[in-house]
C-alpha atoms as a PDB file:
ATOM      1  CA  MET A   1       0.644 -28.811 -12.095  1.00  0.00           C
ATOM      2  CA  GLU A   2      -0.997 -30.897 -14.813  1.00  0.00           C
ATOM      3  CA  GLN A   3      -1.139 -34.243 -13.076  1.00  0.00           C
ATOM      4  CA  LEU A   4      -0.229 -36.215  -9.986  1.00  0.00           C
ATOM      5  CA  LEU A   5       2.408 -38.789 -10.915  1.00  0.00           C
ATOM      6  CA  VAL A   6       2.338 -41.965  -8.868  1.00  0.00           C
ATOM      7  CA  SER A   7       5.224 -44.309  -8.219  1.00  0.00           C
ATOM      8  CA  HIS A   8       4.801 -47.763  -9.675  1.00  0.00           C
ATOM      9  CA  TRP A   9       4.869 -51.222  -8.108  1.00  0.00           C
ATOM     10  CA  HIS A  10       6.507 -54.504  -9.094  1.00  0.00           C
ATOM     11  CA  LYS A  11       4.544 -57.702  -9.699  1.00  0.00           C
ATOM     12  CA  ASN A  12       6.197 -61.055 -10.353  1.00  0.00           C
ATOM     13  CA  THR A  13       4.823 -63.389 -12.996  1.00  0.00           C
ATOM     14  CA  ARG A  14       4.312 -66.258 -10.557  1.00  0.00           C
ATOM     15  CA  TYR A  15       4.261 -66.813  -6.804  1.00  0.00           C
ATOM     16  CA  GLU A  16       3.958 -69.908  -4.652  1.00  0.00           C
ATOM     17  CA  ILE A  17       3.607 -70.800  -0.993  1.00  0.00           C
ATOM     18  CA  GLN A  18       6.705 -72.309   0.633  1.00  0.00           C
ATOM     19  CA  SER A  19       7.434 -73.378   4.193  1.00  0.00           C
ATOM     20  CA  ILE A  20      10.679 -71.733   5.357  1.00  0.00           C
ATOM     21  CA  ASN A  21      11.950 -72.144   8.926  1.00  0.00           C
ATOM     22  CA  ASP A  22       8.511 -73.390  10.024  1.00  0.00           C
ATOM     23  CA  THR A  23       6.789 -70.308   8.557  1.00  0.00           C
ATOM     24  CA  GLU A  24       4.668 -70.278   5.414  1.00  0.00           C
ATOM     25  CA  TYR A  25       5.725 -67.574   2.974  1.00  0.00           C
ATOM     26  CA  ILE A  26       4.513 -66.311  -0.374  1.00  0.00           C
ATOM     27  CA  VAL A  27       7.621 -66.500  -2.528  1.00  0.00           C
ATOM     28  CA  PRO A  28       8.203 -64.976  -6.002  1.00  0.00           C
ATOM     29  CA  CYS A  29       9.195 -67.613  -8.573  1.00  0.00           C
ATOM     30  CA  GLU A  30       9.451 -65.733 -11.858  1.00  0.00           C
ATOM     31  CA  TYR A  31      10.562 -62.144 -12.385  1.00  0.00           C
ATOM     32  CA  GLY A  32       7.787 -59.868 -13.589  1.00  0.00           C
ATOM     33  CA  ALA A  33       7.429 -56.195 -14.442  1.00  0.00           C
ATOM     34  CA  VAL A  34       6.661 -52.772 -12.989  1.00  0.00           C
ATOM     35  CA  TYR A  35       3.091 -51.509 -13.374  1.00  0.00           C
ATOM     36  CA  ASP A  36       0.854 -48.719 -12.081  1.00  0.00           C
ATOM     37  CA  PRO A  37      -1.787 -50.130  -9.693  1.00  0.00           C
ATOM     38  CA  ILE A  38      -3.147 -46.675  -8.932  1.00  0.00           C
ATOM     39  CA  LYS A  39      -5.012 -46.813 -12.243  1.00  0.00           C
ATOM     40  CA  SER A  40      -7.254 -49.473 -10.683  1.00  0.00           C
ATOM     41  CA  GLU A  41      -6.968 -48.447  -7.034  1.00  0.00           C
ATOM     42  CA  ASN A  42     -10.683 -48.743  -6.256  1.00  0.00           C
ATOM     43  CA  GLU A  43     -10.946 -52.183  -7.856  1.00  0.00           C
ATOM     44  CA  MET A  44      -7.841 -53.269  -5.938  1.00  0.00           C
ATOM     45  CA  MET A  45      -9.243 -51.885  -2.696  1.00  0.00           C
ATOM     46  CA  THR A  46     -12.604 -53.644  -3.070  1.00  0.00           C
ATOM     47  CA  ASP A  47     -10.807 -56.859  -4.101  1.00  0.00           C
ATOM     48  CA  ALA A  48      -8.868 -56.566  -0.835  1.00  0.00           C
ATOM     49  CA  LEU A  49     -12.085 -56.021   1.131  1.00  0.00           C
ATOM     50  CA  ASN A  50     -13.807 -58.983  -0.522  1.00  0.00           C
ATOM     51  CA  LEU A  51     -10.792 -61.173   0.192  1.00  0.00           C
ATOM     52  CA  GLY A  52     -10.880 -60.049   3.820  1.00  0.00           C
ATOM     53  CA  LYS A  53     -14.592 -60.882   3.936  1.00  0.00           C
ATOM     54  CA  TYR A  54     -13.931 -64.350   2.513  1.00  0.00           C
ATOM     55  CA  LEU A  55     -11.061 -65.047   4.928  1.00  0.00           C
ATOM     56  CA  THR A  56     -13.233 -63.920   7.849  1.00  0.00           C
ATOM     57  CA  GLU A  57     -16.199 -66.080   6.890  1.00  0.00           C
ATOM     58  CA  ASN A  58     -14.605 -69.173   5.293  1.00  0.00           C
ATOM     59  CA  ASP A  59     -11.922 -71.689   6.212  1.00  0.00           C
ATOM     60  CA  LEU A  60     -11.595 -73.552   2.904  1.00  0.00           C
ATOM     61  CA  GLY A  61      -9.561 -72.306  -0.055  1.00  0.00           C
ATOM     62  CA  GLN A  62      -7.953 -69.405   1.792  1.00  0.00           C
ATOM     63  CA  ASN A  63      -4.441 -69.909   0.388  1.00  0.00           C
ATOM     64  CA  GLU A  64      -5.714 -70.092  -3.177  1.00  0.00           C
ATOM     65  CA  MET A  65      -7.701 -66.880  -2.731  1.00  0.00           C
ATOM     66  CA  VAL A  66      -4.665 -65.035  -1.351  1.00  0.00           C
ATOM     67  CA  LEU A  67      -2.475 -66.282  -4.200  1.00  0.00           C
ATOM     68  CA  ASP A  68      -5.049 -65.079  -6.726  1.00  0.00           C
ATOM     69  CA  PHE A  69      -4.847 -61.571  -5.255  1.00  0.00           C
ATOM     70  CA  VAL A  70      -1.039 -61.577  -5.176  1.00  0.00           C
ATOM     71  CA  HIS A  71      -0.831 -62.797  -8.779  1.00  0.00           C
ATOM     72  CA  LYS A  72      -3.114 -59.937  -9.799  1.00  0.00           C
ATOM     73  CA  TYR A  73      -1.438 -57.130  -7.840  1.00  0.00           C
ATOM     74  CA  GLY A  74       1.815 -58.327  -6.255  1.00  0.00           C
ATOM     75  CA  LEU A  75       2.953 -58.592  -2.635  1.00  0.00           C
ATOM     76  CA  LEU A  76       1.849 -55.968  -0.114  1.00  0.00           C
ATOM     77  CA  GLY A  77       5.245 -54.416   0.680  1.00  0.00           C
ATOM     78  CA  ILE A  78       4.926 -54.962   4.418  1.00  0.00           C
ATOM     79  CA  MET A  79       8.654 -54.425   5.104  1.00  0.00           C
ATOM     80  CA  PRO A  80       8.901 -50.746   4.078  1.00  0.00           C
ATOM     81  CA  ASP A  81       5.342 -50.103   5.253  1.00  0.00           C
ATOM     82  CA  ILE A  82       6.071 -50.878   8.901  1.00  0.00           C
ATOM     83  CA  ALA A  83       9.637 -49.554   8.986  1.00  0.00           C
ATOM     84  CA  GLY A  84       9.516 -46.463   6.828  1.00  0.00           C
ATOM     85  CA  SER A  85      12.176 -44.939   4.607  1.00  0.00           C
ATOM     86  CA  ASP A  86      15.027 -45.249   7.124  1.00  0.00           C
ATOM     87  CA  ILE A  87      15.764 -48.884   6.173  1.00  0.00           C
ATOM     88  CA  GLY A  88      19.362 -49.140   5.041  1.00  0.00           C
ATOM     89  CA  LYS A  89      20.370 -45.701   6.307  1.00  0.00           C
ATOM     90  CA  ASN A  90      21.151 -46.827   9.847  1.00  0.00           C
ATOM     91  CA  GLU A  91      22.205 -50.085  11.482  1.00  0.00           C
ATOM     92  CA  ARG A  92      19.018 -50.067  13.533  1.00  0.00           C
ATOM     93  CA  VAL A  93      15.551 -49.391  12.221  1.00  0.00           C
ATOM     94  CA  ILE A  94      12.437 -47.985  13.854  1.00  0.00           C
ATOM     95  CA  VAL A  95       9.436 -50.308  13.499  1.00  0.00           C
ATOM     96  CA  HIS A  96       6.301 -48.188  13.610  1.00  0.00           C
ATOM     97  CA  ASP A  97       2.927 -49.152  15.080  1.00  0.00           C
ATOM     98  CA  ASN A  98       1.458 -51.915  12.961  1.00  0.00           C
ATOM     99  CA  ILE A  99      -0.785 -54.988  13.100  1.00  0.00           C
ATOM    100  CA  PHE A 100       1.998 -57.534  12.478  1.00  0.00           C
ATOM    101  CA  THR A 101       4.764 -57.030  15.067  1.00  0.00           C
ATOM    102  CA  GLU A 102       5.626 -55.073  18.152  1.00  0.00           C
ATOM    103  CA  SER A 103       6.912 -51.561  17.512  1.00  0.00           C
ATOM    104  CA  GLY A 104      10.386 -50.533  18.606  1.00  0.00           C
ATOM    105  CA  ILE A 105      14.004 -50.360  17.454  1.00  0.00           C
ATOM    106  CA  VAL A 106      15.607 -53.442  15.890  1.00  0.00           C
ATOM    107  CA  ASP A 107      18.769 -54.413  14.003  1.00  0.00           C
ATOM    108  CA  VAL A 108      18.156 -53.691  10.330  1.00  0.00           C
ATOM    109  CA  ASN A 109      19.586 -56.974   9.029  1.00  0.00           C
ATOM    110  CA  GLU A 110      17.696 -59.028  11.616  1.00  0.00           C
ATOM    111  CA  PHE A 111      14.550 -57.212  10.538  1.00  0.00           C
ATOM    112  CA  ALA A 112      15.317 -57.912   6.879  1.00  0.00           C
ATOM    113  CA  LYS A 113      15.633 -61.677   7.507  1.00  0.00           C
ATOM    114  CA  THR A 114      11.861 -61.794   8.000  1.00  0.00           C
ATOM    115  CA  PHE A 115      11.361 -60.722   4.394  1.00  0.00           C
ATOM    116  CA  PHE A 116      14.429 -62.267   2.733  1.00  0.00           C
ATOM    117  CA  PRO A 117      14.391 -65.740   4.348  1.00  0.00           C
ATOM    118  CA  LEU A 118      16.004 -67.342   1.270  1.00  0.00           C
ATOM    119  CA  ASP A 119      18.854 -64.842   0.851  1.00  0.00           C
ATOM    120  CA  ASN A 120      21.840 -63.834   2.934  1.00  0.00           C
ATOM    121  CA  ILE A 121      21.386 -60.124   2.368  1.00  0.00           C
ATOM    122  CA  ASP A 122      23.202 -57.217   4.019  1.00  0.00           C
ATOM    123  CA  ILE A 123      20.752 -54.316   3.766  1.00  0.00           C
ATOM    124  CA  MET A 124      23.330 -51.725   4.838  1.00  0.00           C
ATOM    125  CA  SER A 125      25.794 -52.842   2.171  1.00  0.00           C
ATOM    126  CA  LYS A 126      23.255 -53.094  -0.650  1.00  0.00           C
ATOM    127  CA  SER A 127      21.477 -49.849   0.171  1.00  0.00           C
ATOM    128  CA  ASN A 128      24.715 -47.836   0.216  1.00  0.00           C
ATOM    129  CA  GLN A 129      26.135 -49.064  -3.088  1.00  0.00           C
ATOM    130  CA  LYS A 130      26.612 -46.268  -5.606  1.00  0.00           C
ATOM    131  CA  GLY A 131      25.265 -46.576  -9.112  1.00  0.00           C
ATOM    132  CA  LYS A 132      22.847 -49.390  -8.253  1.00  0.00           C
ATOM    133  CA  LEU A 133      19.477 -49.707  -9.931  1.00  0.00           C
ATOM    134  CA  ARG A 134      16.877 -47.181  -8.883  1.00  0.00           C
ATOM    135  CA  LEU A 135      13.254 -47.685  -9.857  1.00  0.00           C
ATOM    136  CA  TYR A 136      11.140 -44.600 -10.558  1.00  0.00           C
ATOM    137  CA  TYR A 137      13.070 -42.357  -8.157  1.00  0.00           C
ATOM    138  CA  ARG A 138      12.307 -44.731  -5.317  1.00  0.00           C
ATOM    139  CA  SER A 139      14.467 -45.323  -2.247  1.00  0.00           C
ATOM    140  CA  PRO A 140      17.323 -47.862  -2.468  1.00  0.00           C
ATOM    141  CA  ILE A 141      15.402 -50.369  -0.347  1.00  0.00           C
ATOM    142  CA  TYR A 142      12.543 -50.364  -2.862  1.00  0.00           C
ATOM    143  CA  SER A 143      14.967 -51.318  -5.611  1.00  0.00           C
ATOM    144  CA  THR A 144      16.613 -53.983  -3.437  1.00  0.00           C
ATOM    145  CA  MET A 145      13.205 -55.570  -2.805  1.00  0.00           C
ATOM    146  CA  PHE A 146      12.661 -56.144  -6.500  1.00  0.00           C
ATOM    147  CA  LEU A 147      16.114 -56.913  -7.912  1.00  0.00           C
ATOM    148  CA  ARG A 148      16.292 -60.250  -9.739  1.00  0.00           C
ATOM    149  CA  LYS A 149      19.109 -61.336  -7.405  1.00  0.00           C
ATOM    150  CA  TYR A 150      16.924 -61.382  -4.284  1.00  0.00           C
ATOM    151  CA  ARG A 151      13.556 -62.845  -3.387  1.00  0.00           C
ATOM    152  CA  TYR A 152      11.450 -60.536  -1.296  1.00  0.00           C
ATOM    153  CA  CYS A 153       8.869 -62.719   0.502  1.00  0.00           C
ATOM    154  CA  GLU A 154       6.034 -62.121   2.944  1.00  0.00           C
ATOM    155  CA  PRO A 155       4.615 -64.374   5.687  1.00  0.00           C
ATOM    156  CA  LEU A 156       1.314 -65.825   4.527  1.00  0.00           C
ATOM    157  CA  ASP A 157      -0.353 -65.332   7.917  1.00  0.00           C
ATOM    158  CA  TRP A 158       0.598 -61.641   7.897  1.00  0.00           C
ATOM    159  CA  ILE A 159      -0.997 -61.137   4.508  1.00  0.00           C
ATOM    160  CA  LYS A 160      -4.176 -62.859   5.658  1.00  0.00           C
ATOM    161  CA  LYS A 161      -4.184 -60.783   8.837  1.00  0.00           C
ATOM    162  CA  TYR A 162      -4.035 -57.558   6.835  1.00  0.00           C
ATOM    163  CA  PHE A 163      -7.008 -58.407   4.626  1.00  0.00           C
ATOM    164  CA  LYS A 164      -9.118 -59.424   7.621  1.00  0.00           C
ATOM    165  CA  TYR A 165      -8.047 -56.254   9.441  1.00  0.00           C
ATOM    166  CA  LEU A 166      -9.099 -54.081   6.502  1.00  0.00           C
ATOM    167  CA  TYR A 167     -12.475 -55.812   6.182  1.00  0.00           C
ATOM    168  CA  SER A 168     -13.106 -55.481   9.929  1.00  0.00           C
ATOM    169  CA  PHE A 169     -13.689 -51.749   9.414  1.00  0.00           C
ATOM    170  CA  MET A 170     -16.706 -52.574   7.281  1.00  0.00           C
ATOM    171  CA  LEU A 171     -18.314 -54.164  10.332  1.00  0.00           C
ATOM    172  CA  LYS A 172     -20.046 -52.231  13.093  1.00  0.00           C
ATOM    173  CA  GLU A 173     -17.681 -52.723  16.028  1.00  0.00           C
ATOM    174  CA  PRO A 174     -14.319 -51.205  14.894  1.00  0.00           C
ATOM    175  CA  LYS A 175     -14.044 -47.417  14.909  1.00  0.00           C
ATOM    176  CA  LEU A 176     -12.693 -45.899  11.697  1.00  0.00           C
ATOM    177  CA  PRO A 177     -10.554 -43.295  13.547  1.00  0.00           C
ATOM    178  CA  GLU A 178      -8.537 -46.272  14.881  1.00  0.00           C
ATOM    179  CA  PHE A 179      -7.544 -47.223  11.325  1.00  0.00           C
ATOM    180  CA  LEU A 180      -3.747 -46.966  11.054  1.00  0.00           C
ATOM    181  CA  PRO A 181      -2.902 -44.343   8.391  1.00  0.00           C
ATOM    182  CA  PRO A 182      -0.838 -45.330   5.348  1.00  0.00           C
ATOM    183  CA  ARG A 183       2.738 -44.094   4.964  1.00  0.00           C
ATOM    184  CA  LEU A 184       2.836 -41.576   2.122  1.00  0.00           C
ATOM    185  CA  THR A 185       5.536 -39.185   0.928  1.00  0.00           C
ATOM    186  CA  TYR A 186       5.853 -36.930  -2.087  1.00  0.00           C
ATOM    187  CA  LYS A 187       8.412 -34.934  -4.037  1.00  0.00           C
ATOM    188  CA  ILE A 188       8.406 -32.431  -6.891  1.00  0.00           C
ATOM    189  CA  ASP A 189       9.321 -34.122 -10.166  1.00  0.00           C
ATOM    190  CA  ASP A 190      10.737 -32.139 -13.105  1.00  0.00           C
ATOM    191  CA  ARG A 191      11.020 -34.769 -15.847  1.00  0.00           C
ATOM    192  CA  ASN A 192       8.013 -33.376 -17.786  1.00  0.00           C
ATOM    193  CA  GLY A 193       7.466 -29.983 -16.263  1.00  0.00           C
ATOM    194  CA  LEU A 194       6.792 -29.655 -12.550  1.00  0.00           C
ATOM    195  CA  ASN A 195       4.541 -32.339 -11.114  1.00  0.00           C
ATOM    196  CA  LEU A 196       3.952 -33.971  -7.772  1.00  0.00           C
ATOM    197  CA  LEU A 197       5.351 -37.478  -7.498  1.00  0.00           C
ATOM    198  CA  CYS A 198       3.466 -39.378  -4.807  1.00  0.00           C
ATOM    199  CA  GLU A 199       5.651 -42.107  -3.327  1.00  0.00           C
ATOM    200  CA  TYR A 200       3.890 -45.035  -1.720  1.00  0.00           C
ATOM    201  CA  ASP A 201       6.116 -47.141   0.497  1.00  0.00           C
ATOM    202  CA  SER A 202       4.020 -50.174  -0.323  1.00  0.00           C
ATOM    203  CA  LEU A 203       1.074 -51.623  -2.197  1.00  0.00           C
ATOM    204  CA  LYS A 204      -0.604 -51.831   1.199  1.00  0.00           C
ATOM    205  CA  ALA A 205      -0.350 -48.041   1.511  1.00  0.00           C
ATOM    206  CA  MET A 206      -2.121 -47.632  -1.846  1.00  0.00           C
ATOM    207  CA  ILE A 207      -4.965 -49.873  -0.674  1.00  0.00           C
ATOM    208  CA  ASP A 208      -5.142 -48.126   2.703  1.00  0.00           C
ATOM    209  CA  PHE A 209      -5.320 -44.678   1.135  1.00  0.00           C
ATOM    210  CA  ALA A 210      -7.980 -45.731  -1.397  1.00  0.00           C
ATOM    211  CA  PHE A 211     -10.002 -47.167   1.500  1.00  0.00           C
ATOM    212  CA  ALA A 212      -9.561 -44.033   3.621  1.00  0.00           C
ATOM    213  CA  LYS A 213     -10.754 -41.839   0.733  1.00  0.00           C
ATOM    214  CA  ALA A 214     -13.768 -44.078   0.097  1.00  0.00           C
ATOM    215  CA  VAL A 215     -15.017 -44.316   3.689  1.00  0.00           C
ATOM    216  CA  THR A 216     -14.772 -40.546   4.159  1.00  0.00           C
ATOM    217  CA  ASN A 217     -16.606 -39.842   0.892  1.00  0.00           C
ATOM    218  CA  ASP A 218     -20.108 -38.453   1.517  1.00  0.00           C
ATOM    219  CA  LYS A 219     -21.445 -40.530  -1.389  1.00  0.00           C
ATOM    220  CA  LYS A 220     -20.516 -43.788   0.428  1.00  0.00           C
ATOM    221  CA  PRO A 221     -19.135 -45.467  -2.713  1.00  0.00           C
ATOM    222  CA  ILE A 222     -18.341 -48.809  -1.052  1.00  0.00           C
ATOM    223  CA  ARG A 223     -21.557 -50.788  -1.482  1.00  0.00           C
ATOM    224  CA  SER A 224     -22.714 -54.365  -0.998  1.00  0.00           C
ATOM    225  CA  CYS A 225     -24.248 -55.826  -4.145  1.00  0.00           C
ATOM    226  CA  LYS A 226     -27.996 -56.278  -3.744  1.00  0.00           C
ATOM    227  CA  HIS A 227     -27.777 -59.678  -5.454  1.00  0.00           C
ATOM    228  CA  CYS A 228     -24.473 -61.414  -4.599  1.00  0.00           C
ATOM    229  CA  GLU A 229     -23.458 -59.270  -1.576  1.00  0.00           C
ATOM    230  CA  LYS A 230     -20.015 -58.664  -3.044  1.00  0.00           C
ATOM    231  CA  LEU A 231     -18.471 -55.332  -2.043  1.00  0.00           C
ATOM    232  CA  PHE A 232     -17.900 -52.936  -4.919  1.00  0.00           C
ATOM    233  CA  TYR A 233     -17.010 -49.300  -5.601  1.00  0.00           C
ATOM    234  CA  ALA A 234     -20.009 -47.404  -6.969  1.00  0.00           C
ATOM    235  CA  THR A 235     -19.101 -44.746  -9.506  1.00  0.00           C
ATOM    236  CA  ASP A 236     -22.795 -43.856  -9.752  1.00  0.00           C
ATOM    237  CA  ILE A 237     -24.619 -42.888  -6.559  1.00  0.00           C
ATOM    238  CA  ARG A 238     -27.642 -44.904  -7.775  1.00  0.00           C
ATOM    239  CA  SER A 239     -25.701 -48.173  -8.160  1.00  0.00           C
ATOM    240  CA  GLU A 240     -27.042 -51.142  -6.207  1.00  0.00           C
ATOM    241  CA  PHE A 241     -25.321 -53.978  -8.084  1.00  0.00           C
ATOM    242  CA  CYS A 242     -21.679 -54.845  -8.696  1.00  0.00           C
ATOM    243  CA  SER A 243     -22.335 -55.737 -12.339  1.00  0.00           C
ATOM    244  CA  ALA A 244     -24.984 -55.749 -15.041  1.00  0.00           C
ATOM    245  CA  ARG A 245     -25.126 -59.532 -14.712  1.00  0.00           C
ATOM    246  CA  CYS A 246     -26.076 -59.316 -11.028  1.00  0.00           C
ATOM    247  CA  ARG A 247     -28.679 -56.649 -11.790  1.00  0.00           C
ATOM    248  CA  ASN A 248     -30.254 -58.826 -14.488  1.00  0.00           C
ATOM    249  CA  GLN A 249     -30.237 -61.951 -12.328  1.00  0.00           C
ATOM    250  CA  TYR A 250     -31.783 -60.061  -9.423  1.00  0.00           C
ATOM    251  CA  ASN A 251     -34.584 -58.776 -11.654  1.00  0.00           C
ATOM    252  CA  VAL A 252     -35.192 -62.261 -13.088  1.00  0.00           C
ATOM    253  CA  TYR A 253     -35.464 -63.832  -9.630  1.00  0.00           C
ATOM    254  CA  LYS A 254     -37.649 -60.979  -8.457  1.00  0.00           C
ATOM    255  CA  SER A 255     -39.966 -61.448 -11.467  1.00  0.00           C
ATOM    256  CA  ARG A 256     -40.202 -65.214 -10.906  1.00  0.00           C
ATOM    257  CA  ALA A 257     -41.059 -64.682  -7.249  1.00  0.00           C
ATOM    258  CA  LYS A 258     -44.148 -62.710  -8.272  1.00  0.00           C
ATOM    259  CA  HIS A 259     -45.600 -65.637 -10.198  1.00  0.00           C
END
């Protein structure tokens, strides 16, 4: 096994906030492209933590901050994350324990309406079509989420709730063992020899797994910058600053304070 292949994620070119049925959603407006966020998983994870910190501590500019994150990385993929890979295989779907809704068994199309509020979509029909587009060996529901014909959306409040939830584990009160594990699957891929293909159900699962790896790392790579207090991932155990600029500014202020 030469490498661990990772399934890619779709990011639209532009998103906006729309009010639909009295709920604010983040809605894709222009079709984008597939990319590999795992190449910057630690940056994405610390961006998520810093956004959660901002949302927890500030009331102004929250929507703009969330949109900035989504434009950089895409939507979280909450639908497959909380329901698993059985979407579209049965008329009812199991909703697993999550921070957004109650768990239980629900009608699959009723469940889908939460994430496709602008489309009249029949998940059972679309998922069972033969010869339909498949992205990177992903499940049919993954492809349906990102077809040009449909607009997969996510409730704005749910997205905010996730970032604040993630950041809460950087505080003293929550216990890390209570962190809900990400949904991960894998298969053996034979396109270029035999390799493991790790399939993330969602972007959220990528962030969750990067966070879980970081907080269980003995080197404690998630640090708070000594100057600006921004959270960052330290690749060097000696790192105290998120950037060279912060290090230089800290030293300048420290030098001035001596005079």
